[in-house]
Amino acid sequence: MLKKIKKISMGVVLHAKNIIFADPKLMYEHDKKLIDQSFFFNGSNKKGVLLVHGWTSTPYEVRRLGKYLNENGYTTMGIKLAGHGTVSSDLEKVIWQDWLENVRVGYFELKKTCDQVYIAGTSIGGDLALIFAEQQRDVSGLILMATPYQLRFEKIGMLFVQILLKMKKKYRKKFYPPTFGLSTTITRLISYQTYPTKSLLQAFEVVCQMRKNISNIVVPVLIMQSTHDHIIQKNSMENIFNKISSKVKKKIYIKKAYHTFISDIKNEHIFEDILNFIEKN
């Protein structure tokens, strides 16, 4: 009887009229085989959204958002950054320019069928979006989620990484705060829990590169950040907002959420805020 109820519940959740009503954890149980897969959902309005996941994560992090935007007519593509979705050791030989190239390839793939292409990135994916948009001026707009302008304790952190490398400590285990780092969160379930120390330097470099030319950003930008983000500096969103040259820009704080909140969030208004921003700009 319990199995029957669970099956019925799963059906209701997965076939809801709108993906925002779907339970993220039930979707995860159903979609486990897709965790490490990139995705492409063909839309109907000649507009595309490129979705870029964060460092050590997978495209599944932004899959639900991609489905929601696709339900509303957009062609959505979730790319898999080099070295991700396999084993963490695959990150060792990857440099940040490889990730930027992944963004470039995805963008021009969408441009084949879409008149307008937006980029939505979470965490380091947001920094990559900013770097690419500064180089490719026809990007239609940016959605930046949990995007670091500066990482917490960045200078000390970079020095610490250098010391670890000298000590030949090749791998590190992730740290999660007890309140928002529960082992059952999708963010943790889909991500590498151990990472190459060298790769952290590449993540640092992405943030540094983004800061160099951020004032050249002129496209519409939506920035979202958790009030309890333990990874990036608290004023990251404010810094990005103040330093970009975009005439159209908006910032939204997400209350009581983990750093990369988009895969676990149940507040449907966040998805709607993203859609509304795109449609107005």
Protein backbone atom coordinates (compact mmCIF):
# COMPACT_ATOMS: atom_id res chain seq x y z
CA MET A 1 0.00 0.00 0.00
CA LEU A 2 2.84 2.41 0.90
CA LYS A 3 4.59 1.65 -2.38
CA LYS A 4 1.37 2.40 -4.27
CA ILE A 5 0.95 5.74 -2.46
CA LYS A 6 4.58 6.65 -3.14
CA LYS A 7 4.15 5.80 -6.82
CA ILE A 8 1.01 7.94 -7.08
CA SER A 9 2.72 10.83 -5.27
CA MET A 10 5.70 10.60 -7.59
CA GLY A 11 3.40 10.74 -10.60
CA VAL A 12 1.62 13.81 -9.30
CA VAL A 13 4.89 15.55 -8.51
CA LEU A 14 6.58 14.79 -11.81
CA HIS A 15 3.59 15.59 -13.98
CA ALA A 16 2.47 18.77 -12.24
CA LYS A 17 1.25 21.46 -14.60
CA ASN A 18 4.20 23.59 -13.58
CA ILE A 19 7.61 22.37 -12.47
CA ILE A 20 7.65 24.85 -9.56
CA PHE A 21 5.12 22.66 -7.78
CA ALA A 22 7.37 19.60 -8.02
CA ASP A 23 9.21 18.43 -4.92
CA PRO A 24 12.99 18.74 -5.55
CA LYS A 25 13.86 15.62 -3.51
CA LEU A 26 11.26 13.42 -5.22
CA MET A 27 12.51 14.67 -8.57
CA TYR A 28 16.05 13.79 -7.54
CA GLU A 29 15.02 10.23 -6.66
CA HIS A 30 13.37 9.88 -10.05
CA ASP A 31 16.19 11.55 -12.03
CA LYS A 32 19.29 9.99 -10.44
CA LYS A 33 20.46 8.66 -13.79
CA LEU A 34 20.51 12.24 -15.14
CA ILE A 35 22.64 13.80 -12.42
CA ASP A 36 25.84 13.93 -14.47
CA GLN A 37 24.15 14.73 -17.79
CA SER A 38 23.97 18.00 -19.67
CA PHE A 39 20.51 18.84 -21.02
CA PHE A 40 18.76 20.59 -23.89
CA PHE A 41 15.04 21.45 -23.88
CA ASN A 42 13.74 22.88 -27.13
CA GLY A 43 11.45 25.90 -26.75
CA SER A 44 8.97 27.79 -28.89
CA ASN A 45 9.74 31.51 -28.58
CA LYS A 46 13.15 31.75 -30.32
CA LYS A 47 14.75 32.76 -27.03
CA GLY A 48 17.35 30.68 -25.20
CA VAL A 49 18.85 30.45 -21.74
CA LEU A 50 22.26 28.90 -21.16
CA LEU A 51 22.52 27.48 -17.62
CA VAL A 52 25.93 27.11 -16.00
CA HIS A 53 26.41 25.09 -12.82
CA GLY A 54 28.94 25.78 -10.09
CA TRP A 55 32.38 24.42 -9.31
CA THR A 56 32.41 20.69 -8.32
CA SER A 57 28.69 20.39 -9.15
CA THR A 58 26.80 19.09 -12.22
CA PRO A 59 24.16 20.37 -14.70
CA TYR A 60 21.50 18.79 -12.48
CA GLU A 61 22.00 21.77 -10.17
CA VAL A 62 20.16 23.98 -12.69
CA ARG A 63 18.00 21.34 -14.39
CA ARG A 64 14.75 22.17 -12.57
CA LEU A 65 15.16 25.86 -13.43
CA GLY A 66 15.84 24.84 -17.02
CA LYS A 67 12.63 22.80 -17.11
CA TYR A 68 10.62 25.68 -15.66
CA LEU A 69 11.90 28.19 -18.21
CA ASN A 70 11.28 25.67 -20.98
CA GLU A 71 7.68 25.27 -19.82
CA ASN A 72 7.37 28.98 -20.49
CA GLY A 73 8.64 28.80 -24.06
CA TYR A 74 12.41 29.14 -23.69
CA THR A 75 14.99 26.83 -25.21
CA THR A 76 17.27 25.90 -22.32
CA MET A 77 20.66 24.24 -22.27
CA GLY A 78 22.56 23.07 -19.20
CA ILE A 79 26.22 22.51 -20.00
CA LYS A 80 28.63 20.30 -18.09
CA LEU A 81 31.86 22.07 -17.21
CA ALA A 82 35.11 20.22 -17.92
CA GLY A 83 36.19 17.82 -15.17
CA HIS A 84 32.73 17.63 -13.60
CA GLY A 85 30.15 14.86 -13.32
CA THR A 86 32.70 12.03 -13.24
CA VAL A 87 35.33 11.70 -10.49
CA SER A 88 36.95 14.61 -8.71
CA SER A 89 40.45 13.67 -9.89
CA ASP A 90 39.34 14.69 -13.41
CA LEU A 91 39.50 18.31 -12.21
CA GLU A 92 43.26 18.14 -11.64
CA LYS A 93 44.35 19.00 -15.18
CA VAL A 94 41.49 21.40 -15.98
CA ILE A 95 42.18 25.14 -16.14
CA TRP A 96 39.57 27.88 -15.85
CA GLN A 97 39.84 28.73 -19.55
CA ASP A 98 38.44 25.26 -20.30
CA TRP A 99 35.27 26.19 -18.40
CA LEU A 100 35.00 29.49 -20.26
CA GLU A 101 35.29 27.57 -23.52
CA ASN A 102 32.42 25.33 -22.40
CA VAL A 103 30.30 28.46 -21.95
CA ARG A 104 31.31 29.78 -25.37
CA VAL A 105 30.43 26.52 -27.15
CA GLY A 106 27.06 26.31 -25.37
CA TYR A 107 26.23 29.91 -26.16
CA PHE A 108 26.86 29.60 -29.88
CA GLU A 109 24.99 26.31 -30.00
CA LEU A 110 21.92 28.12 -28.68
CA LYS A 111 22.48 31.01 -31.10
CA LYS A 112 21.91 28.59 -33.98
CA THR A 113 18.19 28.48 -33.21
CA CYS A 114 17.60 31.42 -30.85
CA ASP A 115 17.48 35.14 -31.67
CA GLN A 116 18.23 36.06 -28.06
CA VAL A 117 20.34 34.13 -25.54
CA TYR A 118 20.54 34.82 -21.80
CA ILE A 119 23.03 33.20 -19.44
CA ALA A 120 22.11 32.03 -15.93
CA GLY A 121 24.99 30.90 -13.74
CA THR A 122 25.28 29.81 -10.14
CA SER A 123 28.37 30.40 -8.00
CA ILE A 124 31.49 30.18 -10.22
CA GLY A 125 29.09 29.64 -13.12
CA GLY A 126 27.93 33.22 -12.56
CA ASP A 127 31.50 34.52 -12.71
CA LEU A 128 32.05 32.64 -15.97
CA ALA A 129 28.86 34.23 -17.31
CA LEU A 130 30.18 37.70 -16.44
CA ILE A 131 33.56 37.05 -18.06
CA PHE A 132 31.92 35.73 -21.22
CA ALA A 133 29.37 38.58 -21.43
CA GLU A 134 32.18 41.12 -21.24
CA GLN A 135 33.81 39.45 -24.25
CA GLN A 136 30.60 38.63 -26.17
CA ARG A 137 28.58 41.83 -26.22
CA ASP A 138 25.42 40.39 -27.81
CA VAL A 139 24.45 38.36 -24.71
CA SER A 140 20.86 39.40 -23.98
CA GLY A 141 21.08 39.37 -20.19
CA LEU A 142 22.53 37.66 -17.12
CA ILE A 143 21.04 35.88 -14.11
CA LEU A 144 23.68 35.59 -11.39
CA MET A 145 22.97 33.29 -8.45
CA ALA A 146 25.32 33.05 -5.45
CA THR A 147 28.01 34.64 -7.59
CA PRO A 148 31.16 35.65 -5.70
CA TYR A 149 32.66 39.06 -6.26
CA GLN A 150 35.05 37.90 -3.58
CA LEU A 151 35.29 34.63 -1.70
CA ARG A 152 35.30 34.67 2.09
CA PHE A 153 38.85 34.86 3.46
CA GLU A 154 40.07 34.86 -0.14
CA LYS A 155 43.65 36.03 0.40
CA ILE A 156 44.19 33.74 3.38
CA GLY A 157 42.54 30.92 1.48
CA MET A 158 44.83 31.26 -1.52
CA LEU A 159 47.87 31.32 0.75
CA PHE A 160 46.58 28.23 2.58
CA VAL A 161 46.15 26.39 -0.73
CA GLN A 162 49.73 27.20 -1.70
CA ILE A 163 50.93 25.79 1.63
CA LEU A 164 48.88 22.63 1.11
CA LEU A 165 50.39 22.14 -2.33
CA LYS A 166 53.90 22.51 -0.93
CA MET A 167 52.98 19.89 1.66
CA LYS A 168 51.75 17.70 -1.23
CA LYS A 169 48.21 17.65 0.12
CA LYS A 170 46.55 16.97 -3.20
CA TYR A 171 42.94 16.68 -2.05
CA ARG A 172 40.63 18.46 0.36
CA LYS A 173 37.25 17.55 1.80
CA LYS A 174 34.45 20.10 1.65
CA PHE A 175 33.20 21.89 4.74
CA TYR A 176 29.49 22.52 5.30
CA PRO A 177 27.86 24.60 8.04
CA PRO A 178 25.61 22.45 10.26
CA THR A 179 22.43 24.41 9.55
CA PHE A 180 22.47 24.59 5.74
CA GLY A 181 24.85 21.79 4.90
CA LEU A 182 22.63 18.77 5.61
CA SER A 183 23.84 15.59 3.92
CA THR A 184 20.42 15.15 2.31
CA THR A 185 20.48 18.42 0.35
CA ILE A 186 20.58 17.95 -3.40
CA THR A 187 23.52 20.33 -3.58
CA ARG A 188 25.60 17.83 -1.61
CA LEU A 189 24.19 14.70 -3.23
CA ILE A 190 25.19 15.75 -6.75
CA SER A 191 28.56 17.39 -6.00
CA TYR A 192 32.10 16.15 -5.47
CA GLN A 193 32.68 16.01 -1.73
CA THR A 194 36.45 15.89 -2.17
CA TYR A 195 38.27 18.11 -4.62
CA PRO A 196 41.83 18.56 -5.95
CA THR A 197 43.62 21.37 -4.14
CA LYS A 198 44.97 22.64 -7.48
CA SER A 199 41.44 23.05 -8.83
CA LEU A 200 40.55 25.44 -6.02
CA LEU A 201 43.20 27.80 -7.37
CA GLN A 202 41.42 27.71 -10.74
CA ALA A 203 38.16 28.64 -9.03
CA PHE A 204 39.95 31.53 -7.32
CA GLU A 205 41.31 32.62 -10.70
CA VAL A 206 37.82 32.75 -12.23
CA VAL A 207 36.74 35.21 -9.54
CA CYS A 208 39.87 37.32 -10.01
CA GLN A 209 39.41 37.42 -13.79
CA MET A 210 35.77 38.46 -13.41
CA ARG A 211 36.73 41.47 -11.27
CA LYS A 212 39.14 42.86 -13.89
CA ASN A 213 36.55 44.01 -16.42
CA ILE A 214 33.25 43.89 -14.56
CA SER A 215 32.62 47.59 -15.24
CA ASN A 216 32.29 46.73 -18.96
CA ILE A 217 29.07 44.79 -18.33
CA VAL A 218 26.13 46.72 -19.79
CA VAL A 219 23.46 44.05 -20.36
CA PRO A 220 20.45 43.61 -18.03
CA VAL A 221 21.50 41.72 -14.89
CA LEU A 222 19.56 39.99 -12.11
CA ILE A 223 21.63 39.12 -9.02
CA MET A 224 20.46 36.73 -6.28
CA GLN A 225 22.30 35.81 -3.08
CA SER A 226 21.49 33.99 0.14
CA THR A 227 21.60 36.00 3.35
CA HIS A 228 23.38 33.02 4.94
CA ASP A 229 25.96 32.31 2.24
CA HIS A 230 29.10 30.97 3.96
CA ILE A 231 31.21 30.74 0.79
CA ILE A 232 31.26 34.28 -0.57
CA GLN A 233 31.70 37.69 1.01
CA LYS A 234 28.44 39.13 2.31
CA ASN A 235 28.81 42.22 0.14
CA SER A 236 29.42 40.26 -3.07
CA MET A 237 26.01 41.03 -4.52
CA GLU A 238 26.31 44.70 -3.60
CA ASN A 239 29.75 44.94 -5.20
CA ILE A 240 28.61 43.33 -8.43
CA PHE A 241 25.51 45.52 -8.50
CA ASN A 242 27.52 48.70 -7.96
CA LYS A 243 30.40 47.91 -10.32
CA ILE A 244 28.53 46.77 -13.44
CA SER A 245 27.54 49.54 -15.88
CA SER A 246 24.15 48.04 -16.73
CA LYS A 247 21.24 50.47 -16.76
CA VAL A 248 18.85 47.61 -15.99
CA LYS A 249 19.90 45.69 -12.89
CA LYS A 250 18.09 44.11 -9.97
CA LYS A 251 19.16 42.39 -6.75
CA ILE A 252 17.25 39.91 -4.61
CA TYR A 253 18.28 38.42 -1.27
CA ILE A 254 17.22 34.82 -0.58
CA LYS A 255 16.56 34.16 3.10
CA LYS A 256 17.95 31.18 5.01
CA ALA A 257 19.36 29.23 2.10
CA TYR A 258 22.62 27.44 1.36
CA HIS A 259 25.26 29.04 -0.89
CA THR A 260 24.06 27.40 -4.13
CA PHE A 261 20.36 27.43 -3.39
CA ILE A 262 18.76 26.89 -6.79
CA SER A 263 18.63 23.06 -6.76
CA ASP A 264 17.10 22.79 -3.26
CA ILE A 265 14.89 25.87 -3.11
CA LYS A 266 11.13 25.29 -2.76
CA ASN A 267 10.10 28.94 -2.98
CA GLU A 268 8.54 29.07 -6.42
CA HIS A 269 8.66 32.87 -6.49
CA ILE A 270 12.41 32.67 -7.14
CA PHE A 271 11.81 30.83 -10.42
CA GLU A 272 9.06 33.31 -11.23
CA ASP A 273 11.34 36.26 -10.41
CA ILE A 274 13.90 34.91 -12.88
CA LEU A 275 11.28 34.39 -15.59
CA ASN A 276 9.76 37.84 -15.03
CA PHE A 277 13.17 39.49 -15.25
CA ILE A 278 13.96 37.78 -18.54
CA GLU A 279 10.58 38.60 -20.05
CA LYS A 280 10.78 42.27 -19.06
CA ASN A 281 14.30 42.63 -20.46
